[in-house]
């Protein structure tokens, strides 16, 4: 479960539905991506809008911006990010991520019927 503004992820035990882990996403070592080039850093997670995982357990998260973050489920650190664009323009308000199969990741654009 991902909280919107508190910056927390709760991981539940699937048998008795108790909280296994309580991860705070706004810790500096979690929020910042590794440096891509000299002195440059990737985007930071601003809020929790959507969280999903693929069949291999990799976690994907979005923050309502145009960014999708890949998170290592064992450390909860961001390992990659991408900016979703259409015709050279970032698509903002990504929401409701859904991993389907082994190579598809869908998102809708908040307050629209658009699915990317």
N, C-alpha and C. Protein backbone atom coordinates (compact mmCIF):
# COMPACT_ATOMS: atom_id res chain seq x y z
N UNK A 1 0.85 -1.17 0.00
CA UNK A 1 0.00 0.00 0.00
C UNK A 1 0.90 1.23 0.00
N UNK A 2 0.56 2.19 -0.82
CA UNK A 2 1.33 3.42 -0.97
C UNK A 2 0.49 4.59 -0.48
N UNK A 3 1.09 5.42 0.38
CA UNK A 3 0.38 6.61 0.83
C UNK A 3 0.66 7.77 -0.11
N UNK A 4 -0.28 8.66 -0.24
CA UNK A 4 -0.17 9.74 -1.21
C UNK A 4 0.81 10.81 -0.73
N UNK A 5 0.59 11.40 0.44
CA UNK A 5 1.41 12.52 0.87
C UNK A 5 2.38 12.18 1.99
N UNK A 6 2.15 11.12 2.73
CA UNK A 6 3.02 10.79 3.87
C UNK A 6 4.33 10.16 3.43
N UNK A 7 4.43 9.73 2.17
CA UNK A 7 5.67 9.15 1.67
C UNK A 7 5.98 7.80 2.28
N UNK A 8 4.96 6.99 2.51
CA UNK A 8 5.18 5.67 3.13
C UNK A 8 4.63 4.56 2.25
N UNK A 9 5.30 3.42 2.32
CA UNK A 9 4.84 2.19 1.69
C UNK A 9 4.69 1.16 2.81
N UNK A 10 3.56 0.48 2.83
CA UNK A 10 3.34 -0.59 3.79
C UNK A 10 3.31 -1.90 3.02
N UNK A 11 4.13 -2.84 3.43
CA UNK A 11 4.15 -4.17 2.82
C UNK A 11 3.49 -5.12 3.81
N UNK A 12 2.45 -5.83 3.35
CA UNK A 12 1.67 -6.68 4.22
C UNK A 12 2.02 -8.15 4.04
N UNK A 13 1.90 -8.90 5.12
CA UNK A 13 2.00 -10.36 5.08
C UNK A 13 0.72 -10.86 4.40
N UNK A 14 0.83 -11.76 3.43
CA UNK A 14 -0.36 -12.17 2.68
C UNK A 14 -1.17 -13.25 3.39
N UNK A 15 -0.73 -13.70 4.55
CA UNK A 15 -1.50 -14.70 5.28
C UNK A 15 -2.40 -14.05 6.34
N UNK A 16 -1.80 -13.27 7.23
CA UNK A 16 -2.59 -12.68 8.31
C UNK A 16 -2.79 -11.16 8.16
N UNK A 17 -2.38 -10.62 7.03
CA UNK A 17 -2.58 -9.22 6.67
C UNK A 17 -2.04 -8.26 7.75
N UNK A 18 -0.88 -8.58 8.28
CA UNK A 18 -0.19 -7.67 9.19
C UNK A 18 0.91 -6.96 8.41
N UNK A 19 1.33 -5.82 8.90
CA UNK A 19 2.37 -5.05 8.21
C UNK A 19 3.72 -5.71 8.44
N UNK A 20 4.36 -6.15 7.35
CA UNK A 20 5.70 -6.73 7.39
C UNK A 20 6.77 -5.64 7.41
N UNK A 21 6.54 -4.64 6.58
CA UNK A 21 7.51 -3.55 6.46
C UNK A 21 6.79 -2.22 6.37
N UNK A 22 7.42 -1.20 6.92
CA UNK A 22 6.93 0.17 6.84
C UNK A 22 8.10 0.98 6.29
N UNK A 23 8.04 1.31 5.01
CA UNK A 23 9.15 1.98 4.32
C UNK A 23 8.80 3.45 4.14
N UNK A 24 9.70 4.32 4.53
CA UNK A 24 9.48 5.75 4.36
C UNK A 24 10.19 6.19 3.09
N UNK A 25 9.44 6.61 2.08
CA UNK A 25 10.01 6.97 0.78
C UNK A 25 10.71 8.31 0.76
N UNK A 26 10.49 9.15 1.75
CA UNK A 26 11.13 10.45 1.67
C UNK A 26 12.49 10.50 2.35
N UNK A 27 13.07 9.34 2.63
CA UNK A 27 14.45 9.31 3.11
C UNK A 27 15.36 9.68 1.94
N UNK A 28 16.38 10.50 2.16
CA UNK A 28 17.23 10.96 1.05
C UNK A 28 17.84 9.84 0.22
N UNK A 29 18.25 8.75 0.86
CA UNK A 29 18.90 7.68 0.09
C UNK A 29 17.90 6.91 -0.78
N UNK A 30 16.62 7.01 -0.48
CA UNK A 30 15.60 6.35 -1.28
C UNK A 30 15.16 7.24 -2.43
N UNK A 31 14.99 8.52 -2.16
CA UNK A 31 14.43 9.43 -3.14
C UNK A 31 15.33 9.74 -4.32
N UNK A 32 16.60 9.87 -4.08
CA UNK A 32 17.48 10.33 -5.16
C UNK A 32 17.99 9.16 -5.99
N UNK A 33 17.90 9.33 -7.28
CA UNK A 33 18.44 8.34 -8.19
C UNK A 33 19.96 8.43 -8.22
N UNK A 34 20.62 7.37 -8.60
CA UNK A 34 22.08 7.45 -8.77
C UNK A 34 22.43 8.53 -9.79
N UNK A 35 23.61 9.06 -9.70
CA UNK A 35 24.05 10.08 -10.65
C UNK A 35 24.15 9.47 -12.05
N UNK A 36 23.56 10.13 -13.03
CA UNK A 36 23.62 9.66 -14.40
C UNK A 36 24.86 10.18 -15.11
N UNK A 37 25.29 11.35 -14.76
CA UNK A 37 26.47 11.97 -15.36
C UNK A 37 27.07 12.89 -14.31
N UNK A 38 28.18 13.48 -14.60
CA UNK A 38 28.86 14.35 -13.64
C UNK A 38 27.92 15.38 -13.03
N UNK A 39 27.69 15.26 -11.73
CA UNK A 39 26.90 16.25 -11.02
C UNK A 39 25.41 16.23 -11.27
N UNK A 40 24.93 15.38 -12.15
CA UNK A 40 23.51 15.35 -12.46
C UNK A 40 22.82 14.23 -11.70
N UNK A 41 21.64 14.50 -11.25
CA UNK A 41 20.86 13.47 -10.57
C UNK A 41 19.51 13.36 -11.25
N UNK A 42 18.89 12.23 -11.07
CA UNK A 42 17.58 12.01 -11.67
C UNK A 42 16.49 12.69 -10.87
N UNK A 43 15.25 12.56 -11.31
CA UNK A 43 14.12 13.17 -10.61
C UNK A 43 13.89 12.53 -9.24
N UNK A 44 13.23 13.24 -8.36
CA UNK A 44 12.90 12.73 -7.04
C UNK A 44 11.42 12.41 -6.97
N UNK A 45 11.08 11.44 -6.14
CA UNK A 45 9.68 11.08 -5.91
C UNK A 45 9.05 12.20 -5.09
N UNK A 46 7.96 12.78 -5.60
CA UNK A 46 7.33 13.91 -4.92
C UNK A 46 6.12 13.50 -4.10
N UNK A 47 5.43 12.47 -4.51
CA UNK A 47 4.23 12.00 -3.81
C UNK A 47 3.98 10.56 -4.24
N UNK A 48 3.15 9.86 -3.53
CA UNK A 48 2.82 8.49 -3.89
C UNK A 48 1.48 8.41 -4.57
N UNK A 49 1.47 8.10 -5.87
CA UNK A 49 0.20 8.02 -6.59
C UNK A 49 -0.14 6.59 -6.96
N UNK A 50 0.83 5.79 -7.35
CA UNK A 50 0.53 4.44 -7.79
C UNK A 50 1.74 3.54 -7.59
N UNK A 51 1.47 2.29 -7.34
CA UNK A 51 2.51 1.30 -7.07
C UNK A 51 2.05 -0.02 -7.66
N UNK A 52 2.94 -0.70 -8.39
CA UNK A 52 2.61 -2.01 -8.92
C UNK A 52 3.90 -2.82 -8.99
N UNK A 53 3.78 -4.09 -9.32
CA UNK A 53 4.96 -4.93 -9.48
C UNK A 53 4.74 -5.88 -10.65
N UNK A 54 5.86 -6.33 -11.22
CA UNK A 54 5.76 -7.27 -12.34
C UNK A 54 5.89 -8.69 -11.83
N UNK A 55 5.86 -9.65 -12.74
CA UNK A 55 5.89 -11.06 -12.35
C UNK A 55 7.21 -11.46 -11.69
N UNK A 56 8.26 -10.68 -11.91
CA UNK A 56 9.55 -10.95 -11.29
C UNK A 56 9.71 -10.24 -9.95
N UNK A 57 8.71 -9.45 -9.56
CA UNK A 57 8.75 -8.76 -8.28
C UNK A 57 9.33 -7.36 -8.33
N UNK A 58 9.75 -6.89 -9.50
CA UNK A 58 10.26 -5.52 -9.59
C UNK A 58 9.11 -4.55 -9.35
N UNK A 59 9.37 -3.49 -8.61
CA UNK A 59 8.34 -2.54 -8.21
C UNK A 59 8.43 -1.28 -9.07
N UNK A 60 7.27 -0.79 -9.49
CA UNK A 60 7.16 0.44 -10.28
C UNK A 60 6.26 1.41 -9.52
N UNK A 61 6.65 2.68 -9.52
CA UNK A 61 5.96 3.69 -8.74
C UNK A 61 5.84 4.96 -9.56
N UNK A 62 4.74 5.68 -9.39
CA UNK A 62 4.67 7.00 -10.00
C UNK A 62 4.22 8.01 -8.96
N UNK A 63 4.51 9.26 -9.24
CA UNK A 63 4.23 10.32 -8.26
C UNK A 63 3.30 11.39 -8.81
N UNK A 64 2.55 11.05 -9.84
CA UNK A 64 1.62 12.02 -10.42
C UNK A 64 2.27 12.98 -11.39
N UNK A 65 3.55 12.81 -11.62
CA UNK A 65 4.26 13.65 -12.59
C UNK A 65 4.32 12.89 -13.91
N UNK A 66 5.33 13.14 -14.69
CA UNK A 66 5.54 12.41 -15.94
C UNK A 66 6.56 11.28 -15.75
N UNK A 67 7.00 11.06 -14.52
CA UNK A 67 8.04 10.06 -14.24
C UNK A 67 7.48 8.75 -13.71
N UNK A 68 8.08 7.66 -14.15
CA UNK A 68 7.84 6.34 -13.57
C UNK A 68 9.18 5.88 -13.01
N UNK A 69 9.15 5.41 -11.77
CA UNK A 69 10.36 4.98 -11.08
C UNK A 69 10.36 3.47 -10.93
N UNK A 70 11.54 2.87 -11.10
CA UNK A 70 11.74 1.45 -10.82
C UNK A 70 12.42 1.37 -9.46
N UNK A 71 11.86 0.53 -8.58
CA UNK A 71 12.34 0.44 -7.21
C UNK A 71 12.77 -0.99 -6.93
N UNK A 72 13.95 -1.14 -6.33
CA UNK A 72 14.44 -2.46 -5.92
C UNK A 72 13.63 -2.89 -4.69
N UNK A 73 12.86 -3.98 -4.77
CA UNK A 73 12.00 -4.36 -3.66
C UNK A 73 12.76 -4.83 -2.41
N UNK A 74 14.02 -5.17 -2.54
CA UNK A 74 14.77 -5.61 -1.36
C UNK A 74 15.33 -4.44 -0.56
N UNK A 75 15.59 -3.31 -1.22
CA UNK A 75 16.15 -2.14 -0.53
C UNK A 75 15.21 -0.95 -0.53
N UNK A 76 14.22 -0.95 -1.41
CA UNK A 76 13.29 0.14 -1.63
C UNK A 76 14.00 1.40 -2.09
N UNK A 77 15.10 1.22 -2.78
CA UNK A 77 15.80 2.35 -3.39
C UNK A 77 15.43 2.42 -4.86
N UNK A 78 15.32 3.63 -5.36
CA UNK A 78 15.03 3.84 -6.78
C UNK A 78 16.26 3.45 -7.58
N UNK A 79 16.07 2.61 -8.59
CA UNK A 79 17.18 2.17 -9.43
C UNK A 79 17.15 2.82 -10.82
N UNK A 80 15.98 3.17 -11.30
CA UNK A 80 15.84 3.78 -12.62
C UNK A 80 14.61 4.69 -12.62
N UNK A 81 14.57 5.56 -13.60
CA UNK A 81 13.34 6.31 -13.84
C UNK A 81 13.23 6.55 -15.34
N UNK A 82 12.03 6.82 -15.77
CA UNK A 82 11.84 7.23 -17.16
C UNK A 82 10.79 8.32 -17.18
N UNK A 83 10.87 9.16 -18.18
CA UNK A 83 9.88 10.21 -18.38
C UNK A 83 8.99 9.78 -19.53
N UNK A 84 7.70 9.71 -19.29
CA UNK A 84 6.74 9.32 -20.32
C UNK A 84 6.45 10.56 -21.17
N UNK A 85 6.65 10.40 -22.49
CA UNK A 85 6.50 11.53 -23.39
C UNK A 85 5.63 11.16 -24.58
N UNK A 86 4.96 12.16 -25.15
CA UNK A 86 4.21 12.00 -26.38
C UNK A 86 4.57 13.16 -27.28
N UNK A 87 5.09 12.84 -28.45
CA UNK A 87 5.53 13.84 -29.43
C UNK A 87 6.44 14.90 -28.79
N UNK A 88 7.36 14.41 -27.96
CA UNK A 88 8.37 15.28 -27.36
C UNK A 88 7.92 16.06 -26.14
N UNK A 89 6.69 15.85 -25.69
CA UNK A 89 6.17 16.55 -24.52
C UNK A 89 5.93 15.57 -23.38
N UNK A 90 6.45 15.86 -22.18
CA UNK A 90 6.18 14.99 -21.03
C UNK A 90 4.69 14.92 -20.73
N UNK A 91 4.19 13.73 -20.43
CA UNK A 91 2.80 13.51 -20.08
C UNK A 91 2.69 13.56 -18.55
N UNK A 92 2.08 14.60 -18.02
CA UNK A 92 1.95 14.76 -16.57
C UNK A 92 0.73 14.03 -16.05
N UNK A 93 0.66 13.90 -14.75
CA UNK A 93 -0.48 13.32 -14.02
C UNK A 93 -0.64 11.83 -14.28
N UNK A 94 0.49 11.11 -14.40
CA UNK A 94 0.39 9.66 -14.54
C UNK A 94 -0.19 9.08 -13.25
N UNK A 95 -1.00 8.04 -13.40
CA UNK A 95 -1.74 7.50 -12.27
C UNK A 95 -2.08 6.05 -12.55
N UNK A 96 -2.31 5.27 -11.51
CA UNK A 96 -2.79 3.89 -11.62
C UNK A 96 -1.95 3.02 -12.55
N UNK A 97 -0.72 2.77 -12.15
CA UNK A 97 0.15 1.88 -12.92
C UNK A 97 -0.34 0.45 -12.84
N UNK A 98 -0.14 -0.28 -13.91
CA UNK A 98 -0.51 -1.69 -13.95
C UNK A 98 0.50 -2.44 -14.82
N UNK A 99 1.21 -3.40 -14.22
CA UNK A 99 2.14 -4.24 -14.97
C UNK A 99 1.36 -5.43 -15.50
N UNK A 100 1.48 -5.69 -16.82
CA UNK A 100 0.75 -6.77 -17.47
C UNK A 100 1.73 -7.63 -18.24
N UNK A 101 1.72 -8.93 -17.97
CA UNK A 101 2.65 -9.82 -18.65
C UNK A 101 4.08 -9.51 -18.28
N UNK A 102 4.99 -9.79 -19.20
CA UNK A 102 6.40 -9.59 -18.87
C UNK A 102 7.02 -8.39 -19.55
N UNK A 103 6.22 -7.58 -20.29
CA UNK A 103 6.82 -6.41 -20.91
C UNK A 103 5.90 -5.21 -21.06
N UNK A 104 4.76 -5.19 -20.40
CA UNK A 104 3.85 -4.07 -20.54
C UNK A 104 3.63 -3.39 -19.21
N UNK A 105 3.67 -2.08 -19.23
CA UNK A 105 3.35 -1.27 -18.05
C UNK A 105 2.39 -0.19 -18.52
N UNK A 106 1.19 -0.20 -17.98
CA UNK A 106 0.17 0.76 -18.36
C UNK A 106 -0.02 1.80 -17.26
N UNK A 107 -0.43 3.00 -17.65
CA UNK A 107 -0.78 4.06 -16.71
C UNK A 107 -1.90 4.86 -17.32
N UNK A 108 -2.79 5.37 -16.46
CA UNK A 108 -3.76 6.30 -17.01
C UNK A 108 -3.31 7.72 -16.65
N UNK A 109 -3.86 8.68 -17.37
CA UNK A 109 -3.59 10.08 -17.09
C UNK A 109 -4.76 10.56 -16.23
N UNK A 110 -4.43 11.02 -15.03
CA UNK A 110 -5.43 11.41 -14.03
C UNK A 110 -6.47 12.36 -14.62
N UNK A 111 -7.72 12.09 -14.31
CA UNK A 111 -8.89 12.85 -14.74
C UNK A 111 -9.13 12.82 -16.25
N UNK A 112 -8.59 11.79 -16.92
CA UNK A 112 -8.89 11.57 -18.33
C UNK A 112 -9.20 10.09 -18.52
N UNK A 113 -9.59 9.72 -19.72
CA UNK A 113 -9.78 8.31 -20.05
C UNK A 113 -8.56 7.76 -20.79
N UNK A 114 -7.49 8.54 -20.86
CA UNK A 114 -6.28 8.13 -21.60
C UNK A 114 -5.52 7.06 -20.84
N UNK A 115 -5.15 6.00 -21.54
CA UNK A 115 -4.31 4.94 -20.99
C UNK A 115 -3.08 4.83 -21.87
N UNK A 116 -1.93 4.85 -21.25
CA UNK A 116 -0.65 4.82 -21.99
C UNK A 116 0.03 3.49 -21.77
